[in-house]
């Protein structure tokens, strides 16, 4: 388990969900010495109407997670990689070489007899649950980055619902890809402020448009998708603080 964790919102089985995942372990995954995926599903007693966790149950769920994570770490036979909260359940996921992990999880849950739960284990040498379910998509990563920038603005008392010029950046491996992206920008009302050829097969473009930071997700997901369609990558945004 690494120290680099983050969370993001999504929909699972068309229901609101929240995933908290170890991003740092991605550089090493899959680990051949931990070939099995195990899970612990805890049925929440007081979920919100949308199936996510409530403030009323927050402390207990944190206690369960802390106990599970601590016990798993001490055993050195399993790795806790993430959790999903949705549909009234909190699901914890592990990769393991310990065939008695389900017994360990049941022993832990004996401390909370009022909670229904279930456990399971299966072979997953490719870590498909981690990569295909827990790990964020490019769009999820973009939303996470947007959240970080918006939180920085809020830390400076920014009025994030006030429109202002927002600067954007993208980078491409060919000038043709950048030019195709630039045509999309023009159609969408962006002003192109600069193009740069770095001389190492890197072709950059800077552009801007008036938007609201609190509505930035839809804006950036469109830019992300179009940049990738043209062989490039959207490289983020910034703006001045408006108090």
C-alpha atoms as a PDB file:
ATOM      1  CA  UNK A   1       0.000   0.000   0.000  1.00  0.00           C
ATOM      2  CA  UNK A   2       1.432   3.367  -1.027  1.00  0.00           C
ATOM      3  CA  UNK A   3       0.893   6.844   0.407  1.00  0.00           C
ATOM      4  CA  UNK A   4      -0.665   8.162  -2.823  1.00  0.00           C
ATOM      5  CA  UNK A   5      -4.429   7.735  -2.573  1.00  0.00           C
ATOM      6  CA  UNK A   6      -7.251   9.771  -4.064  1.00  0.00           C
ATOM      7  CA  UNK A   7     -10.995   9.567  -4.534  1.00  0.00           C
ATOM      8  CA  UNK A   8     -13.438  10.304  -7.322  1.00  0.00           C
ATOM      9  CA  UNK A   9     -17.156  10.146  -8.001  1.00  0.00           C
ATOM     10  CA  UNK A  10     -18.707   8.007 -10.718  1.00  0.00           C
ATOM     11  CA  UNK A  11     -21.685   5.758 -11.382  1.00  0.00           C
ATOM     12  CA  UNK A  12     -21.617   2.002 -10.783  1.00  0.00           C
ATOM     13  CA  UNK A  13     -24.520  -0.022 -12.173  1.00  0.00           C
ATOM     14  CA  UNK A  14     -26.134   3.348 -12.931  1.00  0.00           C
ATOM     15  CA  UNK A  15     -26.044   4.317  -9.247  1.00  0.00           C
ATOM     16  CA  UNK A  16     -23.999   7.110  -7.612  1.00  0.00           C
ATOM     17  CA  UNK A  17     -20.660   5.802  -6.375  1.00  0.00           C
ATOM     18  CA  UNK A  18     -17.410   6.968  -4.831  1.00  0.00           C
ATOM     19  CA  UNK A  19     -14.085   5.167  -5.230  1.00  0.00           C
ATOM     20  CA  UNK A  20     -11.047   5.685  -2.991  1.00  0.00           C
ATOM     21  CA  UNK A  21      -8.006   4.054  -4.597  1.00  0.00           C
ATOM     22  CA  UNK A  22      -4.274   3.563  -4.146  1.00  0.00           C
ATOM     23  CA  UNK A  23      -2.815   5.325  -7.197  1.00  0.00           C
ATOM     24  CA  UNK A  24       0.796   4.899  -6.135  1.00  0.00           C
ATOM     25  CA  UNK A  25       0.774   1.138  -6.509  1.00  0.00           C
ATOM     26  CA  UNK A  26      -0.099   1.453 -10.207  1.00  0.00           C
ATOM     27  CA  UNK A  27       3.577   1.757 -11.135  1.00  0.00           C
ATOM     28  CA  UNK A  28       4.164  -1.786  -9.822  1.00  0.00           C
ATOM     29  CA  UNK A  29       0.856  -3.479 -10.634  1.00  0.00           C
ATOM     30  CA  UNK A  30       0.230  -6.273 -11.251  1.00  0.00           C
ATOM     31  CA  UNK A  31       2.407  -7.893  -8.598  1.00  0.00           C
ATOM     32  CA  UNK A  32       2.907 -11.568  -9.426  1.00  0.00           C
ATOM     33  CA  UNK A  33       3.368 -12.416  -5.751  1.00  0.00           C
ATOM     34  CA  UNK A  34      -0.199 -11.265  -4.997  1.00  0.00           C
ATOM     35  CA  UNK A  35      -2.232 -13.158  -7.626  1.00  0.00           C
ATOM     36  CA  UNK A  36      -5.658 -13.287  -5.969  1.00  0.00           C
ATOM     37  CA  UNK A  37      -8.262 -10.576  -5.486  1.00  0.00           C
ATOM     38  CA  UNK A  38     -10.274 -10.633  -2.268  1.00  0.00           C
ATOM     39  CA  UNK A  39     -13.051  -8.369  -1.113  1.00  0.00           C
ATOM     40  CA  UNK A  40     -15.052  -7.451   1.955  1.00  0.00           C
ATOM     41  CA  UNK A  41     -18.539  -6.053   1.363  1.00  0.00           C
ATOM     42  CA  UNK A  42     -20.044  -4.237   4.347  1.00  0.00           C
ATOM     43  CA  UNK A  43     -23.746  -3.460   4.178  1.00  0.00           C
ATOM     44  CA  UNK A  44     -24.248   0.029   5.606  1.00  0.00           C
ATOM     45  CA  UNK A  45     -26.952   0.384   8.245  1.00  0.00           C
ATOM     46  CA  UNK A  46     -27.762   4.038   7.567  1.00  0.00           C
ATOM     47  CA  UNK A  47     -26.869   4.925   3.978  1.00  0.00           C
ATOM     48  CA  UNK A  48     -28.096   8.087   2.332  1.00  0.00           C
ATOM     49  CA  UNK A  49     -31.136   7.788   0.042  1.00  0.00           C
ATOM     50  CA  UNK A  50     -28.777   7.732  -2.962  1.00  0.00           C
ATOM     51  CA  UNK A  51     -26.883   4.734  -1.536  1.00  0.00           C
ATOM     52  CA  UNK A  52     -23.748   6.616  -0.490  1.00  0.00           C
ATOM     53  CA  UNK A  53     -22.488   6.805   3.089  1.00  0.00           C
ATOM     54  CA  UNK A  54     -24.125   9.156   5.579  1.00  0.00           C
ATOM     55  CA  UNK A  55     -22.529  11.427   8.148  1.00  0.00           C
ATOM     56  CA  UNK A  56     -24.367   9.426  10.800  1.00  0.00           C
ATOM     57  CA  UNK A  57     -22.332   6.332   9.932  1.00  0.00           C
ATOM     58  CA  UNK A  58     -19.055   8.052   9.065  1.00  0.00           C
ATOM     59  CA  UNK A  59     -17.126   7.297  12.264  1.00  0.00           C
ATOM     60  CA  UNK A  60     -18.026   3.606  12.313  1.00  0.00           C
ATOM     61  CA  UNK A  61     -17.078   3.092   8.670  1.00  0.00           C
ATOM     62  CA  UNK A  62     -13.740   4.799   9.297  1.00  0.00           C
ATOM     63  CA  UNK A  63     -13.117   2.511  12.279  1.00  0.00           C
ATOM     64  CA  UNK A  64     -13.848  -0.567  10.175  1.00  0.00           C
ATOM     65  CA  UNK A  65     -11.562   0.592   7.378  1.00  0.00           C
ATOM     66  CA  UNK A  66      -8.743   1.510   9.752  1.00  0.00           C
ATOM     67  CA  UNK A  67      -8.925  -1.883  11.464  1.00  0.00           C
ATOM     68  CA  UNK A  68      -9.003  -3.740   8.157  1.00  0.00           C
ATOM     69  CA  UNK A  69      -6.129  -1.741   6.652  1.00  0.00           C
ATOM     70  CA  UNK A  70      -4.002  -2.138   9.780  1.00  0.00           C
ATOM     71  CA  UNK A  71      -4.546  -5.889  10.008  1.00  0.00           C
ATOM     72  CA  UNK A  72      -3.860  -6.396   6.310  1.00  0.00           C
ATOM     73  CA  UNK A  73      -0.649  -4.371   6.518  1.00  0.00           C
ATOM     74  CA  UNK A  74       0.595  -6.307   9.551  1.00  0.00           C
ATOM     75  CA  UNK A  75       0.071  -9.664   7.853  1.00  0.00           C
ATOM     76  CA  UNK A  76       2.375  -8.815   4.913  1.00  0.00           C
ATOM     77  CA  UNK A  77       0.363 -11.345   2.901  1.00  0.00           C
ATOM     78  CA  UNK A  78      -2.127  -8.958   1.324  1.00  0.00           C
ATOM     79  CA  UNK A  79      -2.363  -5.429  -0.057  1.00  0.00           C
ATOM     80  CA  UNK A  80      -5.337  -3.128   0.421  1.00  0.00           C
ATOM     81  CA  UNK A  81      -5.824  -1.310  -2.908  1.00  0.00           C
ATOM     82  CA  UNK A  82      -9.134   0.534  -2.721  1.00  0.00           C
ATOM     83  CA  UNK A  83     -12.788   0.727  -1.844  1.00  0.00           C
ATOM     84  CA  UNK A  84     -16.068   1.469  -3.570  1.00  0.00           C
ATOM     85  CA  UNK A  85     -19.145   2.946  -1.916  1.00  0.00           C
ATOM     86  CA  UNK A  86     -22.461   2.562  -3.727  1.00  0.00           C
ATOM     87  CA  UNK A  87     -25.941   1.036  -3.479  1.00  0.00           C
ATOM     88  CA  UNK A  88     -25.785   0.970   0.320  1.00  0.00           C
ATOM     89  CA  UNK A  89     -22.542  -1.045   0.402  1.00  0.00           C
ATOM     90  CA  UNK A  90     -18.927  -0.293   1.167  1.00  0.00           C
ATOM     91  CA  UNK A  91     -16.665  -2.740  -0.669  1.00  0.00           C
ATOM     92  CA  UNK A  92     -12.986  -3.117   0.265  1.00  0.00           C
ATOM     93  CA  UNK A  93     -10.604  -4.709  -2.274  1.00  0.00           C
ATOM     94  CA  UNK A  94      -7.327  -6.528  -1.674  1.00  0.00           C
ATOM     95  CA  UNK A  95      -4.689  -8.444  -3.604  1.00  0.00           C
ATOM     96  CA  UNK A  96      -3.374 -11.384  -1.671  1.00  0.00           C
ATOM     97  CA  UNK A  97      -1.366 -14.586  -1.435  1.00  0.00           C
ATOM     98  CA  UNK A  98      -3.085 -15.490   1.835  1.00  0.00           C
ATOM     99  CA  UNK A  99      -5.699 -18.205   1.327  1.00  0.00           C
ATOM    100  CA  UNK A 100      -7.044 -17.541   4.824  1.00  0.00           C
ATOM    101  CA  UNK A 101      -7.766 -13.865   4.187  1.00  0.00           C
ATOM    102  CA  UNK A 102     -11.518 -14.434   4.329  1.00  0.00           C
ATOM    103  CA  UNK A 103     -11.118 -15.884   7.828  1.00  0.00           C
ATOM    104  CA  UNK A 104      -9.138 -12.788   8.822  1.00  0.00           C
ATOM    105  CA  UNK A 105     -11.830 -10.476   7.457  1.00  0.00           C
ATOM    106  CA  UNK A 106     -14.560 -12.388   9.255  1.00  0.00           C
ATOM    107  CA  UNK A 107     -12.615 -12.134  12.518  1.00  0.00           C
ATOM    108  CA  UNK A 108     -12.302  -8.375  12.063  1.00  0.00           C
ATOM    109  CA  UNK A 109     -16.013  -7.937  11.359  1.00  0.00           C
ATOM    110  CA  UNK A 110     -16.867  -9.848  14.549  1.00  0.00           C
ATOM    111  CA  UNK A 111     -16.107  -6.544  16.286  1.00  0.00           C
ATOM    112  CA  UNK A 112     -19.181  -5.036  14.593  1.00  0.00           C
ATOM    113  CA  UNK A 113     -21.911  -7.661  15.059  1.00  0.00           C
ATOM    114  CA  UNK A 114     -24.633  -5.251  13.931  1.00  0.00           C
ATOM    115  CA  UNK A 115     -23.191  -5.097  10.414  1.00  0.00           C
ATOM    116  CA  UNK A 116     -24.042  -7.607   7.701  1.00  0.00           C
ATOM    117  CA  UNK A 117     -21.111  -8.428   5.425  1.00  0.00           C
ATOM    118  CA  UNK A 118     -19.783 -10.906   2.914  1.00  0.00           C
ATOM    119  CA  UNK A 119     -16.339 -11.877   1.669  1.00  0.00           C
ATOM    120  CA  UNK A 120     -14.959 -13.453  -1.471  1.00  0.00           C
ATOM    121  CA  UNK A 121     -11.745 -14.346  -3.269  1.00  0.00           C
ATOM    122  CA  UNK A 122     -10.770 -15.265  -6.814  1.00  0.00           C
ATOM    123  CA  UNK A 123      -7.690 -15.540  -9.017  1.00  0.00           C
ATOM    124  CA  UNK A 124      -6.878 -12.215 -10.707  1.00  0.00           C
ATOM    125  CA  UNK A 125      -3.252 -12.356 -11.828  1.00  0.00           C
ATOM    126  CA  UNK A 126      -3.682  -9.369 -14.170  1.00  0.00           C
ATOM    127  CA  UNK A 127      -5.233  -7.254 -11.395  1.00  0.00           C
ATOM    128  CA  UNK A 128      -8.231  -6.644 -13.625  1.00  0.00           C
ATOM    129  CA  UNK A 129     -10.390  -5.425 -10.736  1.00  0.00           C
ATOM    130  CA  UNK A 130      -7.802  -2.773  -9.953  1.00  0.00           C
ATOM    131  CA  UNK A 131      -7.225  -1.645 -13.535  1.00  0.00           C
ATOM    132  CA  UNK A 132     -10.719  -2.006 -14.956  1.00  0.00           C
ATOM    133  CA  UNK A 133     -12.833  -0.995 -11.963  1.00  0.00           C
ATOM    134  CA  UNK A 134     -10.942   0.914  -9.271  1.00  0.00           C
ATOM    135  CA  UNK A 135      -8.394   2.810 -11.368  1.00  0.00           C
ATOM    136  CA  UNK A 136      -9.623   6.180 -12.718  1.00  0.00           C
ATOM    137  CA  UNK A 137     -10.249   6.726 -16.416  1.00  0.00           C
ATOM    138  CA  UNK A 138      -8.583   9.706 -18.150  1.00  0.00           C
ATOM    139  CA  UNK A 139     -11.820  11.659 -17.656  1.00  0.00           C
ATOM    140  CA  UNK A 140     -11.872  10.733 -13.957  1.00  0.00           C
ATOM    141  CA  UNK A 141      -8.277  11.915 -13.595  1.00  0.00           C
ATOM    142  CA  UNK A 142      -9.240  15.194 -15.255  1.00  0.00           C
ATOM    143  CA  UNK A 143     -12.128  15.727 -12.851  1.00  0.00           C
ATOM    144  CA  UNK A 144      -9.807  14.988  -9.934  1.00  0.00           C
ATOM    145  CA  UNK A 145      -7.352  17.580 -11.230  1.00  0.00           C
ATOM    146  CA  UNK A 146     -10.171  20.077 -11.708  1.00  0.00           C
ATOM    147  CA  UNK A 147     -11.245  19.524  -8.113  1.00  0.00           C
ATOM    148  CA  UNK A 148      -7.717  20.261  -6.904  1.00  0.00           C
ATOM    149  CA  UNK A 149      -7.558  23.547  -8.842  1.00  0.00           C
ATOM    150  CA  UNK A 150     -11.029  24.622  -7.696  1.00  0.00           C
ATOM    151  CA  UNK A 151     -10.105  23.833  -4.090  1.00  0.00           C
ATOM    152  CA  UNK A 152      -7.012  26.015  -4.448  1.00  0.00           C
ATOM    153  CA  UNK A 153      -9.228  28.836  -5.685  1.00  0.00           C
ATOM    154  CA  UNK A 154     -11.597  28.357  -2.751  1.00  0.00           C
ATOM    155  CA  UNK A 155      -8.634  28.464  -0.369  1.00  0.00           C
ATOM    156  CA  UNK A 156      -8.111  32.019  -1.653  1.00  0.00           C
ATOM    157  CA  UNK A 157     -11.806  32.927  -1.188  1.00  0.00           C
ATOM    158  CA  UNK A 158     -12.455  32.851  -4.926  1.00  0.00           C
ATOM    159  CA  UNK A 159     -16.044  33.299  -6.119  1.00  0.00           C
ATOM    160  CA  UNK A 160     -15.965  30.266  -8.395  1.00  0.00           C
ATOM    161  CA  UNK A 161     -19.401  30.978  -9.901  1.00  0.00           C
ATOM    162  CA  UNK A 162     -18.181  34.236 -11.481  1.00  0.00           C
ATOM    163  CA  UNK A 163     -17.174  33.914 -15.167  1.00  0.00           C
ATOM    164  CA  UNK A 164     -13.634  34.915 -16.078  1.00  0.00           C
ATOM    165  CA  UNK A 165     -11.020  34.150 -18.734  1.00  0.00           C
ATOM    166  CA  UNK A 166      -9.701  30.635 -18.248  1.00  0.00           C
ATOM    167  CA  UNK A 167      -6.383  29.687 -19.839  1.00  0.00           C
ATOM    168  CA  UNK A 168      -5.970  26.174 -21.239  1.00  0.00           C
ATOM    169  CA  UNK A 169      -3.043  24.198 -22.619  1.00  0.00           C
ATOM    170  CA  UNK A 170      -2.576  21.123 -24.803  1.00  0.00           C
ATOM    171  CA  UNK A 171       0.355  19.302 -26.376  1.00  0.00           C
ATOM    172  CA  UNK A 172       0.560  17.189 -29.552  1.00  0.00           C
ATOM    173  CA  UNK A 173       3.050  14.896 -31.258  1.00  0.00           C
ATOM    174  CA  UNK A 174       2.331  16.253 -34.761  1.00  0.00           C
ATOM    175  CA  UNK A 175       1.535  19.716 -36.108  1.00  0.00           C
ATOM    176  CA  UNK A 176      -1.388  18.243 -38.051  1.00  0.00           C
ATOM    177  CA  UNK A 177      -2.956  16.995 -34.831  1.00  0.00           C
ATOM    178  CA  UNK A 178      -2.538  20.384 -33.233  1.00  0.00           C
ATOM    179  CA  UNK A 179      -4.027  22.119 -36.261  1.00  0.00           C
ATOM    180  CA  UNK A 180      -7.071  19.836 -36.234  1.00  0.00           C
ATOM    181  CA  UNK A 181      -7.526  20.565 -32.530  1.00  0.00           C
ATOM    182  CA  UNK A 182      -7.193  24.298 -33.221  1.00  0.00           C
ATOM    183  CA  UNK A 183     -10.040  24.090 -35.720  1.00  0.00           C
ATOM    184  CA  UNK A 184     -12.221  22.508 -33.036  1.00  0.00           C
ATOM    185  CA  UNK A 185     -11.276  25.316 -30.652  1.00  0.00           C
ATOM    186  CA  UNK A 186     -12.263  27.975 -33.163  1.00  0.00           C
ATOM    187  CA  UNK A 187     -15.650  26.368 -33.697  1.00  0.00           C
ATOM    188  CA  UNK A 188     -16.185  26.287 -29.916  1.00  0.00           C
ATOM    189  CA  UNK A 189     -15.360  29.972 -29.493  1.00  0.00           C
ATOM    190  CA  UNK A 190     -11.874  29.733 -27.972  1.00  0.00           C
ATOM    191  CA  UNK A 191      -9.175  32.317 -28.636  1.00  0.00           C
ATOM    192  CA  UNK A 192      -5.791  30.806 -29.486  1.00  0.00           C
ATOM    193  CA  UNK A 193      -3.093  32.767 -27.677  1.00  0.00           C
ATOM    194  CA  UNK A 194       0.077  30.880 -28.614  1.00  0.00           C
ATOM    195  CA  UNK A 195       1.457  27.908 -30.520  1.00  0.00           C
ATOM    196  CA  UNK A 196       4.951  26.572 -29.840  1.00  0.00           C
ATOM    197  CA  UNK A 197       7.129  24.014 -31.627  1.00  0.00           C
ATOM    198  CA  UNK A 198       9.568  22.607 -29.084  1.00  0.00           C
ATOM    199  CA  UNK A 199      11.731  20.830 -31.658  1.00  0.00           C
ATOM    200  CA  UNK A 200      11.386  17.419 -29.983  1.00  0.00           C
ATOM    201  CA  UNK A 201       8.160  16.314 -31.665  1.00  0.00           C
ATOM    202  CA  UNK A 202       6.229  18.388 -29.151  1.00  0.00           C
ATOM    203  CA  UNK A 203       3.731  20.871 -30.522  1.00  0.00           C
ATOM    204  CA  UNK A 204       1.998  23.011 -27.926  1.00  0.00           C
ATOM    205  CA  UNK A 205      -1.027  25.250 -28.015  1.00  0.00           C
ATOM    206  CA  UNK A 206      -2.375  27.742 -25.480  1.00  0.00           C
ATOM    207  CA  UNK A 207      -5.920  29.066 -25.690  1.00  0.00           C
ATOM    208  CA  UNK A 208      -8.578  30.701 -23.565  1.00  0.00           C
ATOM    209  CA  UNK A 209     -12.288  31.325 -23.161  1.00  0.00           C
ATOM    210  CA  UNK A 210     -14.593  32.903 -20.594  1.00  0.00           C
ATOM    211  CA  UNK A 211     -16.127  30.242 -18.350  1.00  0.00           C
ATOM    212  CA  UNK A 212     -16.977  29.553 -14.707  1.00  0.00           C
ATOM    213  CA  UNK A 213     -14.602  27.438 -12.579  1.00  0.00           C
ATOM    214  CA  UNK A 214     -17.561  25.735 -10.896  1.00  0.00           C
ATOM    215  CA  UNK A 215     -18.655  24.438 -14.317  1.00  0.00           C
ATOM    216  CA  UNK A 216     -15.220  23.416 -15.560  1.00  0.00           C
ATOM    217  CA  UNK A 217     -15.712  19.638 -15.734  1.00  0.00           C
ATOM    218  CA  UNK A 218     -17.805  19.568 -18.912  1.00  0.00           C
ATOM    219  CA  UNK A 219     -15.472  22.105 -20.522  1.00  0.00           C
ATOM    220  CA  UNK A 220     -12.306  20.135 -19.848  1.00  0.00           C
ATOM    221  CA  UNK A 221     -13.741  16.702 -20.670  1.00  0.00           C
ATOM    222  CA  UNK A 222     -14.631  17.970 -24.152  1.00  0.00           C
ATOM    223  CA  UNK A 223     -11.100  19.348 -24.563  1.00  0.00           C
ATOM    224  CA  UNK A 224      -9.557  16.139 -23.229  1.00  0.00           C
ATOM    225  CA  UNK A 225     -11.530  13.944 -25.621  1.00  0.00           C
ATOM    226  CA  UNK A 226     -10.866  16.085 -28.678  1.00  0.00           C
ATOM    227  CA  UNK A 227      -7.155  16.416 -27.914  1.00  0.00           C
ATOM    228  CA  UNK A 228      -6.803  12.647 -27.577  1.00  0.00           C
ATOM    229  CA  UNK A 229      -8.748  12.094 -30.802  1.00  0.00           C
ATOM    230  CA  UNK A 230      -6.092  14.180 -32.537  1.00  0.00           C
ATOM    231  CA  UNK A 231      -3.102  12.423 -30.997  1.00  0.00           C
ATOM    232  CA  UNK A 232      -2.499  14.881 -28.189  1.00  0.00           C
ATOM    233  CA  UNK A 233      -3.108  15.470 -24.519  1.00  0.00           C
ATOM    234  CA  UNK A 234      -5.002  18.207 -22.748  1.00  0.00           C
ATOM    235  CA  UNK A 235      -2.531  19.763 -20.299  1.00  0.00           C
ATOM    236  CA  UNK A 236      -4.683  21.627 -17.793  1.00  0.00           C
ATOM    237  CA  UNK A 237      -6.093  25.043 -17.025  1.00  0.00           C
ATOM    238  CA  UNK A 238      -5.666  28.065 -14.808  1.00  0.00           C
ATOM    239  CA  UNK A 239      -7.223  31.435 -14.120  1.00  0.00           C
ATOM    240  CA  UNK A 240      -6.953  34.544 -12.000  1.00  0.00           C
ATOM    241  CA  UNK A 241      -8.577  34.692  -8.569  1.00  0.00           C
ATOM    242  CA  UNK A 242     -11.851  36.628  -8.391  1.00  0.00           C
ATOM    243  CA  UNK A 243     -12.915  37.678  -4.890  1.00  0.00           C
END
